[in-house]
């Protein structure tokens, strides 16, 4: 299974959160991803734009076909950008 995600926080901070979720066996797609044997980081983006990161995330989700049931991304890919656009 594959999970694609983006964050405005530093990679170090976000990985700490993922590690805590994994250690505490949280029922979250990210914890499932990190508990699997086949996980890694696809791309690091050094851009402060939330919209740009969400577009990149959407592209990876579409390219890798990671929406449920094929992967662990539970939100519809198009919703990721639409939610930001409405703000």
PDB file of N, CA and C in Angstrom:
ATOM      1  N   UNK A   1       0.841  -1.183   0.000  1.00  0.00           N
ATOM      2  CA  UNK A   1       0.000   0.000   0.000  1.00  0.00           C
ATOM      3  C   UNK A   1       0.877   1.234   0.000  1.00  0.00           C
ATOM      4  N   UNK A   2       0.358   2.291  -0.589  1.00  0.00           N
ATOM      5  CA  UNK A   2       1.107   3.540  -0.701  1.00  0.00           C
ATOM      6  C   UNK A   2       0.292   4.670  -0.084  1.00  0.00           C
ATOM      7  N   UNK A   3       0.969   5.590   0.592  1.00  0.00           N
ATOM      8  CA  UNK A   3       0.348   6.786   1.157  1.00  0.00           C
ATOM      9  C   UNK A   3       1.117   8.000   0.677  1.00  0.00           C
ATOM     10  N   UNK A   4       0.414   9.030   0.230  1.00  0.00           N
ATOM     11  CA  UNK A   4       1.028  10.290  -0.180  1.00  0.00           C
ATOM     12  C   UNK A   4       0.494  11.369   0.747  1.00  0.00           C
ATOM     13  N   UNK A   5       1.370  12.229   1.263  1.00  0.00           N
ATOM     14  CA  UNK A   5       0.935  13.307   2.143  1.00  0.00           C
ATOM     15  C   UNK A   5       1.836  14.514   2.008  1.00  0.00           C
ATOM     16  N   UNK A   6       1.325  15.685   2.441  1.00  0.00           N
ATOM     17  CA  UNK A   6       2.118  16.902   2.411  1.00  0.00           C
ATOM     18  C   UNK A   6       1.971  17.591   3.759  1.00  0.00           C
ATOM     19  N   UNK A   7       2.915  18.464   4.093  1.00  0.00           N
ATOM     20  CA  UNK A   7       2.845  19.218   5.338  1.00  0.00           C
ATOM     21  C   UNK A   7       3.611  20.518   5.203  1.00  0.00           C
ATOM     22  N   UNK A   8       3.174  21.539   5.938  1.00  0.00           N
ATOM     23  CA  UNK A   8       3.896  22.815   5.958  1.00  0.00           C
ATOM     24  C   UNK A   8       4.971  22.804   7.045  1.00  0.00           C
ATOM     25  N   UNK A   9       4.898  21.830   7.944  1.00  0.00           N
ATOM     26  CA  UNK A   9       5.888  21.728   9.016  1.00  0.00           C
ATOM     27  C   UNK A   9       7.189  21.146   8.483  1.00  0.00           C
ATOM     28  N   UNK A  10       8.220  21.247   9.285  1.00  0.00           N
ATOM     29  CA  UNK A  10       9.496  20.678   8.864  1.00  0.00           C
ATOM     30  C   UNK A  10       9.367  19.160   8.765  1.00  0.00           C
ATOM     31  N   UNK A  11      10.176  18.580   7.915  1.00  0.00           N
ATOM     32  CA  UNK A  11      10.158  17.130   7.757  1.00  0.00           C
ATOM     33  C   UNK A  11      10.461  16.445   9.083  1.00  0.00           C
ATOM     34  N   UNK A  12      11.416  16.985   9.827  1.00  0.00           N
ATOM     35  CA  UNK A  12      11.784  16.406  11.127  1.00  0.00           C
ATOM     36  C   UNK A  12      10.583  16.390  12.081  1.00  0.00           C
ATOM     37  N   UNK A  13       9.866  17.514  12.164  1.00  0.00           N
ATOM     38  CA  UNK A  13       8.697  17.612  13.041  1.00  0.00           C
ATOM     39  C   UNK A  13       7.602  16.633  12.606  1.00  0.00           C
ATOM     40  N   UNK A  14       7.344  16.568  11.309  1.00  0.00           N
ATOM     41  CA  UNK A  14       6.277  15.690  10.810  1.00  0.00           C
ATOM     42  C   UNK A  14       6.629  14.225  11.031  1.00  0.00           C
ATOM     43  N   UNK A  15       7.893  13.878  10.826  1.00  0.00           N
ATOM     44  CA  UNK A  15       8.308  12.492  11.049  1.00  0.00           C
ATOM     45  C   UNK A  15       8.175  12.095  12.514  1.00  0.00           C
ATOM     46  N   UNK A  16       8.432  13.040  13.428  1.00  0.00           N
ATOM     47  CA  UNK A  16       8.235  12.764  14.856  1.00  0.00           C
ATOM     48  C   UNK A  16       6.772  12.419  15.131  1.00  0.00           C
ATOM     49  N   UNK A  17       5.864  13.166  14.511  1.00  0.00           N
ATOM     50  CA  UNK A  17       4.430  12.894  14.675  1.00  0.00           C
ATOM     51  C   UNK A  17       4.075  11.518  14.121  1.00  0.00           C
ATOM     52  N   UNK A  18       4.609  11.205  12.940  1.00  0.00           N
ATOM     53  CA  UNK A  18       4.350   9.889  12.352  1.00  0.00           C
ATOM     54  C   UNK A  18       4.896   8.776  13.251  1.00  0.00           C
ATOM     55  N   UNK A  19       6.077   8.993  13.786  1.00  0.00           N
ATOM     56  CA  UNK A  19       6.682   7.988  14.674  1.00  0.00           C
ATOM     57  C   UNK A  19       5.823   7.770  15.911  1.00  0.00           C
ATOM     58  N   UNK A  20       5.318   8.855  16.490  1.00  0.00           N
ATOM     59  CA  UNK A  20       4.452   8.742  17.671  1.00  0.00           C
ATOM     60  C   UNK A  20       3.175   7.982  17.324  1.00  0.00           C
ATOM     61  N   UNK A  21       2.560   8.307  16.180  1.00  0.00           N
ATOM     62  CA  UNK A  21       1.351   7.592  15.749  1.00  0.00           C
ATOM     63  C   UNK A  21       1.641   6.105  15.583  1.00  0.00           C
ATOM     64  N   UNK A  22       2.801   5.793  15.027  1.00  0.00           N
ATOM     65  CA  UNK A  22       3.180   4.403  14.795  1.00  0.00           C
ATOM     66  C   UNK A  22       3.431   3.690  16.117  1.00  0.00           C
ATOM     67  N   UNK A  23       4.195   4.329  17.003  1.00  0.00           N
ATOM     68  CA  UNK A  23       4.503   3.743  18.313  1.00  0.00           C
ATOM     69  C   UNK A  23       3.242   3.465  19.124  1.00  0.00           C
ATOM     70  N   UNK A  24       2.283   4.372  19.035  1.00  0.00           N
ATOM     71  CA  UNK A  24       1.049   4.243  19.816  1.00  0.00           C
ATOM     72  C   UNK A  24      -0.044   3.492  19.057  1.00  0.00           C
ATOM     73  N   UNK A  25       0.324   2.932  17.919  1.00  0.00           N
ATOM     74  CA  UNK A  25      -0.598   2.125  17.105  1.00  0.00           C
ATOM     75  C   UNK A  25      -1.912   2.856  16.830  1.00  0.00           C
ATOM     76  N   UNK A  26      -1.789   4.143  16.471  1.00  0.00           N
ATOM     77  CA  UNK A  26      -2.972   4.941  16.119  1.00  0.00           C
ATOM     78  C   UNK A  26      -3.602   4.376  14.853  1.00  0.00           C
ATOM     79  N   UNK A  27      -4.903   4.470  14.790  1.00  0.00           N
ATOM     80  CA  UNK A  27      -5.625   3.994  13.615  1.00  0.00           C
ATOM     81  C   UNK A  27      -5.673   5.117  12.579  1.00  0.00           C
ATOM     82  N   UNK A  28      -4.525   5.373  11.964  1.00  0.00           N
ATOM     83  CA  UNK A  28      -4.393   6.426  10.962  1.00  0.00           C
ATOM     84  C   UNK A  28      -3.673   5.847   9.756  1.00  0.00           C
ATOM     85  N   UNK A  29      -4.018   6.325   8.556  1.00  0.00           N
ATOM     86  CA  UNK A  29      -3.338   5.815   7.365  1.00  0.00           C
ATOM     87  C   UNK A  29      -1.819   5.950   7.445  1.00  0.00           C
ATOM     88  N   UNK A  30      -1.338   7.044   8.027  1.00  0.00           N
ATOM     89  CA  UNK A  30       0.106   7.250   8.122  1.00  0.00           C
ATOM     90  C   UNK A  30       0.751   6.195   9.005  1.00  0.00           C
ATOM     91  N   UNK A  31       0.130   5.877  10.131  1.00  0.00           N
ATOM     92  CA  UNK A  31       0.674   4.840  11.014  1.00  0.00           C
ATOM     93  C   UNK A  31       0.693   3.491  10.292  1.00  0.00           C
ATOM     94  N   UNK A  32      -0.365   3.190   9.554  1.00  0.00           N
ATOM     95  CA  UNK A  32      -0.387   1.948   8.777  1.00  0.00           C
ATOM     96  C   UNK A  32       0.753   1.934   7.770  1.00  0.00           C
ATOM     97  N   UNK A  33       0.961   3.069   7.130  1.00  0.00           N
ATOM     98  CA  UNK A  33       2.030   3.189   6.141  1.00  0.00           C
ATOM     99  C   UNK A  33       3.398   2.938   6.781  1.00  0.00           C
ATOM    100  N   UNK A  34       3.664   3.596   7.901  1.00  0.00           N
ATOM    101  CA  UNK A  34       4.967   3.438   8.535  1.00  0.00           C
ATOM    102  C   UNK A  34       5.130   2.080   9.203  1.00  0.00           C
ATOM    103  N   UNK A  35       4.043   1.417   9.503  1.00  0.00           N
ATOM    104  CA  UNK A  35       4.136   0.060  10.044  1.00  0.00           C
ATOM    105  C   UNK A  35       4.344  -0.972   8.940  1.00  0.00           C
ATOM    106  N   UNK A  36       4.155  -0.579   7.700  1.00  0.00           N
ATOM    107  CA  UNK A  36       4.390  -1.510   6.598  1.00  0.00           C
ATOM    108  C   UNK A  36       5.881  -1.555   6.286  1.00  0.00           C
ATOM    109  N   UNK A  37       6.287  -2.569   5.575  1.00  0.00           N
ATOM    110  CA  UNK A  37       7.719  -2.729   5.279  1.00  0.00           C
ATOM    111  C   UNK A  37       8.176  -1.876   4.104  1.00  0.00           C
ATOM    112  N   UNK A  38       7.248  -1.436   3.261  1.00  0.00           N
ATOM    113  CA  UNK A  38       7.616  -0.729   2.028  1.00  0.00           C
ATOM    114  C   UNK A  38       7.217   0.741   2.064  1.00  0.00           C
ATOM    115  N   UNK A  39       7.930   1.551   2.851  1.00  0.00           N
ATOM    116  CA  UNK A  39       7.611   2.975   2.887  1.00  0.00           C
ATOM    117  C   UNK A  39       8.869   3.797   2.653  1.00  0.00           C
ATOM    118  N   UNK A  40       8.652   5.047   2.234  1.00  0.00           N
ATOM    119  CA  UNK A  40       9.767   5.949   1.991  1.00  0.00           C
ATOM    120  C   UNK A  40       9.255   7.342   1.666  1.00  0.00           C
ATOM    121  N   UNK A  41      10.160   8.260   1.364  1.00  0.00           N
ATOM    122  CA  UNK A  41       9.816   9.639   1.033  1.00  0.00           C
ATOM    123  C   UNK A  41      10.061   9.850  -0.450  1.00  0.00           C
ATOM    124  N   UNK A  42       9.056  10.341  -1.163  1.00  0.00           N
ATOM    125  CA  UNK A  42       9.159  10.548  -2.607  1.00  0.00           C
ATOM    126  C   UNK A  42       9.869  11.839  -2.974  1.00  0.00           C
ATOM    127  N   UNK A  43       9.508  12.920  -2.298  1.00  0.00           N
ATOM    128  CA  UNK A  43       9.995  14.227  -2.720  1.00  0.00           C
ATOM    129  C   UNK A  43       9.944  15.192  -1.545  1.00  0.00           C
ATOM    130  N   UNK A  44      10.959  16.021  -1.405  1.00  0.00           N
ATOM    131  CA  UNK A  44      10.955  17.106  -0.437  1.00  0.00           C
ATOM    132  C   UNK A  44      10.838  18.407  -1.222  1.00  0.00           C
ATOM    133  N   UNK A  45       9.856  19.231  -0.832  1.00  0.00           N
ATOM    134  CA  UNK A  45       9.604  20.485  -1.539  1.00  0.00           C
ATOM    135  C   UNK A  45       9.940  21.646  -0.609  1.00  0.00           C
ATOM    136  N   UNK A  46      10.773  22.542  -1.070  1.00  0.00           N
ATOM    137  CA  UNK A  46      11.146  23.708  -0.280  1.00  0.00           C
ATOM    138  C   UNK A  46      10.384  24.931  -0.809  1.00  0.00           C
ATOM    139  N   UNK A  47       9.096  24.921  -0.573  1.00  0.00           N
ATOM    140  CA  UNK A  47       8.232  26.015  -1.028  1.00  0.00           C
ATOM    141  C   UNK A  47       7.203  26.250   0.066  1.00  0.00           C
ATOM    142  N   UNK A  48       6.971  27.503   0.441  1.00  0.00           N
ATOM    143  CA  UNK A  48       6.044  27.815   1.525  1.00  0.00           C
ATOM    144  C   UNK A  48       4.579  27.807   1.104  1.00  0.00           C
ATOM    145  N   UNK A  49       4.304  27.621  -0.175  1.00  0.00           N
ATOM    146  CA  UNK A  49       2.939  27.692  -0.678  1.00  0.00           C
ATOM    147  C   UNK A  49       2.165  26.399  -0.381  1.00  0.00           C
ATOM    148  N   UNK A  50       1.104  26.522   0.444  1.00  0.00           N
ATOM    149  CA  UNK A  50       0.252  25.359   0.731  1.00  0.00           C
ATOM    150  C   UNK A  50      -0.359  24.820  -0.555  1.00  0.00           C
ATOM    151  N   UNK A  51      -0.813  25.734  -1.403  1.00  0.00           N
ATOM    152  CA  UNK A  51      -1.458  25.337  -2.660  1.00  0.00           C
ATOM    153  C   UNK A  51      -0.491  24.534  -3.530  1.00  0.00           C
ATOM    154  N   UNK A  52       0.754  24.983  -3.661  1.00  0.00           N
ATOM    155  CA  UNK A  52       1.749  24.279  -4.469  1.00  0.00           C
ATOM    156  C   UNK A  52       1.988  22.866  -3.937  1.00  0.00           C
ATOM    157  N   UNK A  53       2.128  22.745  -2.607  1.00  0.00           N
ATOM    158  CA  UNK A  53       2.341  21.408  -2.021  1.00  0.00           C
ATOM    159  C   UNK A  53       1.140  20.503  -2.275  1.00  0.00           C
ATOM    160  N   UNK A  54      -0.062  21.062  -2.150  1.00  0.00           N
ATOM    161  CA  UNK A  54      -1.261  20.247  -2.373  1.00  0.00           C
ATOM    162  C   UNK A  54      -1.353  19.794  -3.826  1.00  0.00           C
ATOM    163  N   UNK A  55      -0.975  20.658  -4.758  1.00  0.00           N
ATOM    164  CA  UNK A  55      -0.962  20.271  -6.176  1.00  0.00           C
ATOM    165  C   UNK A  55       0.039  19.148  -6.395  1.00  0.00           C
ATOM    166  N   UNK A  56       1.222  19.253  -5.798  1.00  0.00           N
ATOM    167  CA  UNK A  56       2.237  18.201  -5.929  1.00  0.00           C
ATOM    168  C   UNK A  56       1.724  16.895  -5.316  1.00  0.00           C
ATOM    169  N   UNK A  57       1.074  17.000  -4.152  1.00  0.00           N
ATOM    170  CA  UNK A  57       0.502  15.814  -3.506  1.00  0.00           C
ATOM    171  C   UNK A  57      -0.547  15.178  -4.419  1.00  0.00           C
ATOM    172  N   UNK A  58      -1.432  16.004  -4.977  1.00  0.00           N
ATOM    173  CA  UNK A  58      -2.457  15.516  -5.898  1.00  0.00           C
ATOM    174  C   UNK A  58      -1.832  14.790  -7.087  1.00  0.00           C
ATOM    175  N   UNK A  59      -0.766  15.366  -7.638  1.00  0.00           N
ATOM    176  CA  UNK A  59      -0.084  14.725  -8.767  1.00  0.00           C
ATOM    177  C   UNK A  59       0.470  13.356  -8.388  1.00  0.00           C
ATOM    178  N   UNK A  60       1.104  13.255  -7.212  1.00  0.00           N
ATOM    179  CA  UNK A  60       1.642  11.959  -6.771  1.00  0.00           C
ATOM    180  C   UNK A  60       0.527  10.951  -6.510  1.00  0.00           C
ATOM    181  N   UNK A  61      -0.573  11.412  -5.882  1.00  0.00           N
ATOM    182  CA  UNK A  61      -1.703  10.512  -5.610  1.00  0.00           C
ATOM    183  C   UNK A  61      -2.249   9.956  -6.918  1.00  0.00           C
ATOM    184  N   UNK A  62      -2.400  10.815  -7.907  1.00  0.00           N
ATOM    185  CA  UNK A  62      -2.907  10.366  -9.213  1.00  0.00           C
ATOM    186  C   UNK A  62      -1.917   9.449  -9.915  1.00  0.00           C
ATOM    187  N   UNK A  63      -0.647   9.834  -9.916  1.00  0.00           N
ATOM    188  CA  UNK A  63       0.385   9.039 -10.585  1.00  0.00           C
ATOM    189  C   UNK A  63       0.514   7.645  -9.969  1.00  0.00           C
ATOM    190  N   UNK A  64       0.511   7.596  -8.648  1.00  0.00           N
ATOM    191  CA  UNK A  64       0.714   6.317  -7.948  1.00  0.00           C
ATOM    192  C   UNK A  64      -0.590   5.579  -7.646  1.00  0.00           C
ATOM    193  N   UNK A  65      -1.735   6.233  -7.966  1.00  0.00           N
ATOM    194  CA  UNK A  65      -3.058   5.628  -7.726  1.00  0.00           C
ATOM    195  C   UNK A  65      -3.192   5.156  -6.280  1.00  0.00           C
ATOM    196  N   UNK A  66      -3.005   6.117  -5.336  1.00  0.00           N
ATOM    197  CA  UNK A  66      -2.971   5.754  -3.919  1.00  0.00           C
ATOM    198  C   UNK A  66      -4.263   6.017  -3.161  1.00  0.00           C
ATOM    199  N   UNK A  67      -5.345   6.322  -3.875  1.00  0.00           N
ATOM    200  CA  UNK A  67      -6.626   6.470  -3.181  1.00  0.00           C
ATOM    201  C   UNK A  67      -7.166   5.091  -2.821  1.00  0.00           C
ATOM    202  N   UNK A  68      -7.887   5.016  -1.701  1.00  0.00           N
ATOM    203  CA  UNK A  68      -8.553   3.776  -1.295  1.00  0.00           C
ATOM    204  C   UNK A  68      -9.448   3.322  -2.434  1.00  0.00           C
ATOM    205  N   UNK A  69      -9.500   2.081  -2.851  1.00  0.00           N
ATOM    206  CA  UNK A  69      -8.969   0.897  -2.199  1.00  0.00           C
ATOM    207  C   UNK A  69      -7.569   0.502  -2.670  1.00  0.00           C
ATOM    208  N   UNK A  70      -6.983   1.239  -3.631  1.00  0.00           N
ATOM    209  CA  UNK A  70      -5.673   0.864  -4.149  1.00  0.00           C
ATOM    210  C   UNK A  70      -4.536   1.273  -3.226  1.00  0.00           C
ATOM    211  N   UNK A  71      -4.752   2.286  -2.392  1.00  0.00           N
ATOM    212  CA  UNK A  71      -3.717   2.786  -1.494  1.00  0.00           C
ATOM    213  C   UNK A  71      -4.324   3.232  -0.188  1.00  0.00           C
ATOM    214  N   UNK A  72      -3.610   4.062   0.558  1.00  0.00           N
ATOM    215  CA  UNK A  72      -4.051   4.478   1.883  1.00  0.00           C
ATOM    216  C   UNK A  72      -4.598   5.896   1.945  1.00  0.00           C
ATOM    217  N   UNK A  73      -4.591   6.632   0.852  1.00  0.00           N
ATOM    218  CA  UNK A  73      -5.142   7.981   0.873  1.00  0.00           C
ATOM    219  C   UNK A  73      -6.663   7.903   0.911  1.00  0.00           C
ATOM    220  N   UNK A  74      -7.251   8.416   1.999  1.00  0.00           N
ATOM    221  CA  UNK A  74      -8.691   8.271   2.210  1.00  0.00           C
ATOM    222  C   UNK A  74      -9.506   9.433   1.655  1.00  0.00           C
ATOM    223  N   UNK A  75      -8.899  10.602   1.472  1.00  0.00           N
ATOM    224  CA  UNK A  75      -9.617  11.734   0.885  1.00  0.00           C
ATOM    225  C   UNK A  75      -9.551  11.631  -0.626  1.00  0.00           C
ATOM    226  N   UNK A  76     -10.619  12.047  -1.282  1.00  0.00           N
ATOM    227  CA  UNK A  76     -10.587  12.099  -2.745  1.00  0.00           C
ATOM    228  C   UNK A  76      -9.522  13.109  -3.144  1.00  0.00           C
ATOM    229  N   UNK A  77      -8.701  12.761  -4.097  1.00  0.00           N
ATOM    230  CA  UNK A  77      -7.578  13.610  -4.499  1.00  0.00           C
ATOM    231  C   UNK A  77      -8.033  15.014  -4.879  1.00  0.00           C
ATOM    232  N   UNK A  78      -9.128  15.115  -5.609  1.00  0.00           N
ATOM    233  CA  UNK A  78      -9.595  16.441  -6.030  1.00  0.00           C
ATOM    234  C   UNK A  78     -10.054  17.276  -4.838  1.00  0.00           C
ATOM    235  N   UNK A  79     -10.511  16.642  -3.756  1.00  0.00           N
ATOM    236  CA  UNK A  79     -10.941  17.371  -2.561  1.00  0.00           C
ATOM    237  C   UNK A  79      -9.787  18.090  -1.886  1.00  0.00           C
ATOM    238  N   UNK A  80      -8.581  17.555  -2.002  1.00  0.00           N
ATOM    239  CA  UNK A  80      -7.426  18.162  -1.360  1.00  0.00           C
ATOM    240  C   UNK A  80      -7.208  19.591  -1.848  1.00  0.00           C
ATOM    241  N   UNK A  81      -7.319  19.789  -3.141  1.00  0.00           N
ATOM    242  CA  UNK A  81      -7.116  21.118  -3.717  1.00  0.00           C
ATOM    243  C   UNK A  81      -8.370  21.965  -3.544  1.00  0.00           C
ATOM    244  N   UNK A  82      -9.542  21.381  -3.742  1.00  0.00           N
ATOM    245  CA  UNK A  82     -10.801  22.119  -3.649  1.00  0.00           C
ATOM    246  C   UNK A  82     -10.985  22.710  -2.254  1.00  0.00           C
ATOM    247  N   UNK A  83     -10.643  21.954  -1.189  1.00  0.00           N
ATOM    248  CA  UNK A  83     -10.787  22.462   0.176  1.00  0.00           C
ATOM    249  C   UNK A  83      -9.939  23.698   0.375  1.00  0.00           C
ATOM    250  N   UNK A  84      -8.723  23.692  -0.147  1.00  0.00           N
ATOM    251  CA  UNK A  84      -7.851  24.851  -0.023  1.00  0.00           C
ATOM    252  C   UNK A  84      -8.374  26.024  -0.837  1.00  0.00           C
ATOM    253  N   UNK A  85      -8.914  25.742  -2.014  1.00  0.00           N
ATOM    254  CA  UNK A  85      -9.402  26.780  -2.900  1.00  0.00           C
ATOM    255  C   UNK A  85     -10.576  27.543  -2.252  1.00  0.00           C
ATOM    256  N   UNK A  86     -11.439  26.831  -1.513  1.00  0.00           N
ATOM    257  CA  UNK A  86     -12.609  27.431  -0.908  1.00  0.00           C
ATOM    258  C   UNK A  86     -12.266  28.352   0.257  1.00  0.00           C
ATOM    259  N   UNK A  87     -11.065  28.210   0.836  1.00  0.00           N
ATOM    260  CA  UNK A  87     -10.692  29.033   1.997  1.00  0.00           C
ATOM    261  C   UNK A  87     -10.435  30.428   1.642  1.00  0.00           C
TER     262      UNK A  87
END
